[in-house]
Amino acid sequence: MTQAGGPALRVFHRKRKPLRNFIYVSDTKLDNLFEQIDPNLRRRISAEAKIDLKLASVTLGQKSPPQATRMAKLALVEHYIDKNHHVGTCSTPGTGYFRGSIPMQWGWLNPHQGPDDDSKRDTVFFRGDSESHSVILAGSRRHVLGERPAKENRDLVAGSAMPNIMAVIRENLAPDPKFGVGRRNDERLLHEAMEIPLGGPAQHLEFLAMAIVQGTVGYEPVIHSVIIGTPIYVAMAEDHDAGEQT
């Protein structure tokens, strides 16, 4: 409100970081990475990024933690990674951390178990493709927000470990009568991991992940790069240009 004839008031809004709609957050990775950050550096980051360090210091563990605790720990760990590590992209992921924003399909994969356990789907699988590269992310289903592991599966806590991810991918490949699943070479594995059927349309997702396996498939002049990683988080991408991939 202004007085008649007086100057109009100008309202300034502080720029805020956009809200993110998270699909997956790995509590296990956050606890592991947080504990490796020097306590003095944690305090410095919390002051610099205005993160509640007391809240971030709570162990996430196996039980469902308050969402505020998870988000505080994620903010601190992500800030540390961005400041202290080279973070690659989808096209140039490097060998450590990489992030991106890309249309992806996702769903559940059967675990590497016996025929009586085929109904247990404990691995979540994300895949995004472009003309020159593919990104495949896999992790434990229990880190999908809103998911709860079945009572009989509570001991399956290594869903993001490389041996489990590779075993689950192999379990979901079509049988090859000539070579057999166990004898597939890395290039064939990467190629067929791109072909695992996933239902539903692609969603534009953003993520921060850790690289596990990467390579190329195809032959000159058509070479396609593939990266398999396990995510720290996956979220809906709010702001993106059509066709943008990073």
Protein backbone atom coordinates (compact mmCIF):
# COMPACT_ATOMS: atom_id res chain seq x y z
CA MET A 1 0.00 0.00 0.00
CA THR A 2 1.18 3.57 -0.78
CA GLN A 3 -0.16 7.00 0.08
CA ALA A 4 -1.99 8.88 -2.66
CA GLY A 5 0.54 10.60 -4.84
CA GLY A 6 3.47 8.90 -3.10
CA PRO A 7 6.12 6.78 -4.81
CA ALA A 8 5.30 3.14 -5.51
CA LEU A 9 6.96 0.65 -3.19
CA ARG A 10 9.36 -1.80 -4.79
CA VAL A 11 9.31 -5.31 -3.39
CA PHE A 12 12.50 -7.35 -3.59
CA HIS A 13 12.37 -11.13 -3.40
CA ARG A 14 15.41 -13.10 -2.31
CA LYS A 15 16.36 -15.62 -4.96
CA ARG A 16 15.79 -19.10 -3.60
CA LYS A 17 17.08 -22.42 -4.82
CA PRO A 18 14.24 -24.18 -6.68
CA LEU A 19 12.53 -27.03 -4.87
CA ARG A 20 13.38 -30.50 -6.14
CA ASN A 21 10.96 -33.40 -6.35
CA PHE A 22 13.20 -36.29 -5.29
CA ILE A 23 12.53 -39.82 -6.50
CA TYR A 24 15.55 -41.57 -5.00
CA VAL A 25 18.01 -40.61 -2.25
CA SER A 26 20.60 -43.12 -1.03
CA ASP A 27 20.75 -42.87 2.76
CA THR A 28 23.55 -45.46 2.81
CA LYS A 29 25.80 -43.41 0.51
CA LEU A 30 25.04 -40.17 2.37
CA ASP A 31 26.00 -41.66 5.75
CA ASN A 32 29.16 -43.19 4.28
CA LEU A 33 30.30 -39.99 2.54
CA PHE A 34 29.33 -37.66 5.40
CA GLU A 35 31.47 -39.58 7.90
CA GLN A 36 34.53 -39.14 5.67
CA ILE A 37 34.30 -35.33 5.64
CA ASP A 38 36.58 -33.69 8.19
CA PRO A 39 34.49 -32.25 11.08
CA ASN A 40 36.10 -28.82 10.70
CA LEU A 41 35.19 -28.82 7.01
CA ARG A 42 31.63 -29.88 7.84
CA ARG A 43 31.29 -26.82 10.08
CA ARG A 44 32.71 -24.57 7.37
CA ILE A 45 30.33 -25.96 4.74
CA SER A 46 27.32 -25.71 7.03
CA ALA A 47 28.06 -22.03 7.68
CA GLU A 48 28.79 -21.27 4.03
CA ALA A 49 25.73 -23.09 2.65
CA LYS A 50 23.46 -22.31 5.64
CA ILE A 51 22.89 -25.99 6.45
CA ASP A 52 21.83 -27.12 9.92
CA LEU A 53 24.87 -29.19 10.87
CA LYS A 54 23.19 -30.68 13.94
CA LEU A 55 20.36 -31.94 11.74
CA ALA A 56 22.76 -33.23 9.07
CA SER A 57 24.80 -35.13 11.67
CA VAL A 58 21.96 -37.51 12.57
CA THR A 59 22.63 -41.01 11.20
CA LEU A 60 20.07 -42.03 8.59
CA GLY A 61 20.59 -45.75 9.15
CA GLN A 62 18.03 -48.42 8.36
CA LYS A 63 14.96 -46.74 9.84
CA SER A 64 13.02 -44.06 8.02
CA PRO A 65 14.59 -40.74 9.10
CA PRO A 66 12.91 -37.33 9.14
CA GLN A 67 12.95 -35.88 5.63
CA ALA A 68 14.61 -32.72 6.95
CA THR A 69 17.57 -34.79 8.20
CA ARG A 70 17.97 -36.51 4.84
CA MET A 71 17.83 -33.22 2.92
CA ALA A 72 20.31 -31.49 5.24
CA LYS A 73 22.80 -34.32 4.88
CA LEU A 74 22.33 -34.42 1.11
CA ALA A 75 22.88 -30.65 0.83
CA LEU A 76 26.12 -30.86 2.80
CA VAL A 77 27.49 -33.89 0.96
CA GLU A 78 26.54 -32.49 -2.46
CA HIS A 79 28.17 -29.15 -1.59
CA TYR A 80 31.36 -30.96 -0.54
CA ILE A 81 31.48 -33.06 -3.72
CA ASP A 82 30.94 -30.03 -5.97
CA LYS A 83 33.71 -28.09 -4.19
CA ASN A 84 36.28 -30.85 -3.81
CA HIS A 85 35.84 -33.31 -6.69
CA HIS A 86 35.71 -33.15 -10.45
CA VAL A 87 32.09 -33.92 -11.33
CA GLY A 88 31.63 -35.25 -14.85
CA THR A 89 28.64 -35.11 -17.18
CA CYS A 90 26.62 -37.71 -19.08
CA SER A 91 28.84 -37.34 -22.15
CA THR A 92 32.14 -37.10 -20.22
CA PRO A 93 31.46 -38.88 -16.90
CA GLY A 94 35.03 -39.49 -15.83
CA THR A 95 35.74 -42.21 -13.26
CA GLY A 96 34.25 -40.68 -10.12
CA TYR A 97 31.12 -38.60 -9.67
CA PHE A 98 28.98 -37.39 -12.55
CA ARG A 99 25.69 -35.55 -12.84
CA GLY A 100 23.19 -34.89 -15.59
CA SER A 101 19.70 -33.93 -16.67
CA ILE A 102 18.25 -36.30 -19.26
CA PRO A 103 14.96 -38.00 -20.19
CA MET A 104 14.96 -41.42 -18.52
CA GLN A 105 12.71 -44.42 -18.13
CA TRP A 106 12.82 -46.29 -14.85
CA GLY A 107 11.40 -49.30 -13.07
CA TRP A 108 12.20 -52.40 -11.02
CA LEU A 109 14.47 -55.32 -11.94
CA ASN A 110 14.37 -58.86 -10.63
CA PRO A 111 17.24 -59.63 -8.24
CA HIS A 112 19.80 -62.37 -8.73
CA GLN A 113 17.90 -65.05 -6.80
CA GLY A 114 16.34 -68.45 -7.22
CA PRO A 115 13.13 -69.19 -9.12
CA ASP A 116 11.05 -69.06 -5.94
CA ASP A 117 12.09 -65.44 -5.35
CA ASP A 118 11.38 -63.98 -8.78
CA SER A 119 8.61 -61.75 -7.45
CA LYS A 120 11.04 -59.80 -5.26
CA ARG A 121 12.19 -56.72 -7.14
CA ASP A 122 14.85 -55.00 -5.05
CA THR A 123 16.78 -53.02 -7.66
CA VAL A 124 15.59 -49.77 -9.19
CA PHE A 125 16.86 -49.15 -12.73
CA PHE A 126 17.01 -45.80 -14.58
CA ARG A 127 18.04 -45.49 -18.24
CA GLY A 128 18.39 -42.51 -20.55
CA ASP A 129 19.50 -42.62 -24.18
CA SER A 130 20.66 -40.11 -26.76
CA GLU A 131 22.27 -40.29 -30.19
CA SER A 132 25.77 -40.66 -28.78
CA HIS A 133 25.55 -41.96 -25.22
CA SER A 134 23.43 -43.87 -22.73
CA VAL A 135 23.24 -43.51 -18.95
CA ILE A 136 22.18 -46.44 -16.78
CA LEU A 137 21.71 -46.00 -13.03
CA ALA A 138 20.91 -48.78 -10.58
CA GLY A 139 20.48 -48.92 -6.83
CA SER A 140 18.54 -50.45 -3.98
CA ARG A 141 14.77 -50.06 -4.26
CA ARG A 142 14.56 -49.20 -0.56
CA HIS A 143 16.08 -45.78 -1.35
CA VAL A 144 13.16 -44.83 -3.61
CA LEU A 145 11.25 -42.30 -1.51
CA GLY A 146 7.96 -43.72 -0.33
CA GLU A 147 9.10 -47.33 -0.80
CA ARG A 148 9.40 -49.79 2.07
CA PRO A 149 11.20 -53.13 1.67
CA ALA A 150 9.14 -56.24 2.20
CA LYS A 151 9.70 -57.76 5.65
CA GLU A 152 11.41 -60.80 4.20
CA ASN A 153 13.85 -58.61 2.21
CA ARG A 154 15.17 -56.41 5.02
CA ASP A 155 18.53 -58.17 4.92
CA LEU A 156 19.10 -57.12 1.30
CA VAL A 157 21.13 -54.01 2.06
CA ALA A 158 23.73 -54.13 -0.74
CA GLY A 159 21.46 -53.36 -3.68
CA SER A 160 23.81 -50.60 -4.90
CA ALA A 161 26.97 -52.72 -4.75
CA MET A 162 28.59 -53.40 -8.12
CA PRO A 163 28.37 -57.23 -7.92
CA ASN A 164 24.64 -57.04 -7.24
CA ILE A 165 23.97 -54.48 -9.97
CA MET A 166 25.85 -56.48 -12.60
CA ALA A 167 24.19 -59.73 -11.50
CA VAL A 168 20.73 -58.20 -11.69
CA ILE A 169 21.42 -56.77 -15.16
CA ARG A 170 22.59 -60.19 -16.34
CA GLU A 171 19.48 -61.83 -14.88
CA ASN A 172 17.30 -59.51 -16.96
CA LEU A 173 19.08 -60.10 -20.27
CA ALA A 174 17.51 -62.39 -22.83
CA PRO A 175 19.21 -65.83 -22.82
CA ASP A 176 21.79 -66.33 -25.53
CA PRO A 177 21.93 -69.98 -26.65
CA LYS A 178 25.36 -69.48 -28.22
CA PHE A 179 27.26 -67.78 -25.40
CA GLY A 180 25.13 -68.15 -22.26
CA VAL A 181 24.60 -65.29 -19.82
CA GLY A 182 27.74 -65.96 -17.80
CA ARG A 183 30.06 -65.66 -20.82
CA ARG A 184 28.94 -62.30 -22.16
CA ASN A 185 31.80 -59.86 -22.63
CA ASP A 186 31.61 -56.31 -21.27
CA GLU A 187 30.61 -54.75 -24.60
CA ARG A 188 27.78 -57.21 -25.05
CA LEU A 189 26.63 -56.64 -21.46
CA LEU A 190 26.55 -52.87 -21.92
CA HIS A 191 24.73 -53.21 -25.23
CA GLU A 192 22.06 -55.53 -23.88
CA ALA A 193 21.62 -53.51 -20.68
CA MET A 194 20.42 -50.76 -23.00
CA GLU A 195 17.78 -53.15 -24.36
CA ILE A 196 16.19 -54.27 -21.07
CA PRO A 197 12.47 -53.43 -21.44
CA LEU A 198 11.12 -50.71 -19.14
CA GLY A 199 7.47 -49.72 -19.12
CA GLY A 200 6.09 -46.20 -19.09
CA PRO A 201 7.15 -42.96 -20.74
CA ALA A 202 10.47 -41.22 -20.14
CA GLN A 203 10.62 -38.49 -17.51
CA HIS A 204 13.18 -35.69 -17.54
CA LEU A 205 15.31 -36.46 -14.48
CA GLU A 206 18.38 -34.96 -12.88
CA PHE A 207 20.88 -36.93 -10.81
CA LEU A 208 24.21 -37.09 -9.06
CA ALA A 209 25.81 -40.53 -9.33
CA MET A 210 28.99 -42.55 -8.86
CA ALA A 211 30.45 -44.24 -11.94
CA ILE A 212 30.76 -48.04 -11.88
CA VAL A 213 31.35 -49.36 -15.40
CA GLN A 214 31.70 -47.56 -18.72
CA GLY A 215 32.59 -48.43 -22.26
CA THR A 216 31.57 -48.18 -25.87
CA VAL A 217 29.41 -50.31 -28.12
CA GLY A 218 29.21 -50.44 -31.89
CA TYR A 219 31.80 -49.99 -34.61
CA GLU A 220 33.23 -47.07 -36.56
CA PRO A 221 31.78 -44.74 -37.66
CA VAL A 222 28.89 -45.31 -35.19
CA ILE A 223 30.21 -45.56 -31.64
CA HIS A 224 27.89 -45.28 -28.64
CA SER A 225 29.24 -44.62 -25.14
CA VAL A 226 27.54 -46.24 -22.15
CA ILE A 227 27.99 -45.47 -18.46
CA ILE A 228 26.57 -47.56 -15.62
CA GLY A 229 26.48 -45.84 -12.25
CA THR A 230 24.72 -45.87 -8.91
CA PRO A 231 22.94 -42.66 -7.86
CA ILE A 232 23.29 -40.57 -4.74
CA TYR A 233 20.01 -38.94 -5.73
CA VAL A 234 17.56 -38.81 -8.62
CA ALA A 235 14.97 -36.03 -8.90
CA MET A 236 12.51 -34.61 -11.38
CA ALA A 237 14.24 -31.93 -13.49
CA GLU A 238 12.28 -28.69 -13.12
CA ASP A 239 14.10 -26.40 -15.55
CA HIS A 240 15.40 -27.73 -18.82
CA ASP A 241 15.34 -26.92 -22.51
CA ALA A 242 13.84 -29.39 -24.92
CA GLY A 243 16.51 -31.91 -25.83
CA GLU A 244 19.01 -30.55 -23.32
CA GLN A 245 21.38 -33.17 -21.98
CA THR A 246 24.35 -32.52 -19.74
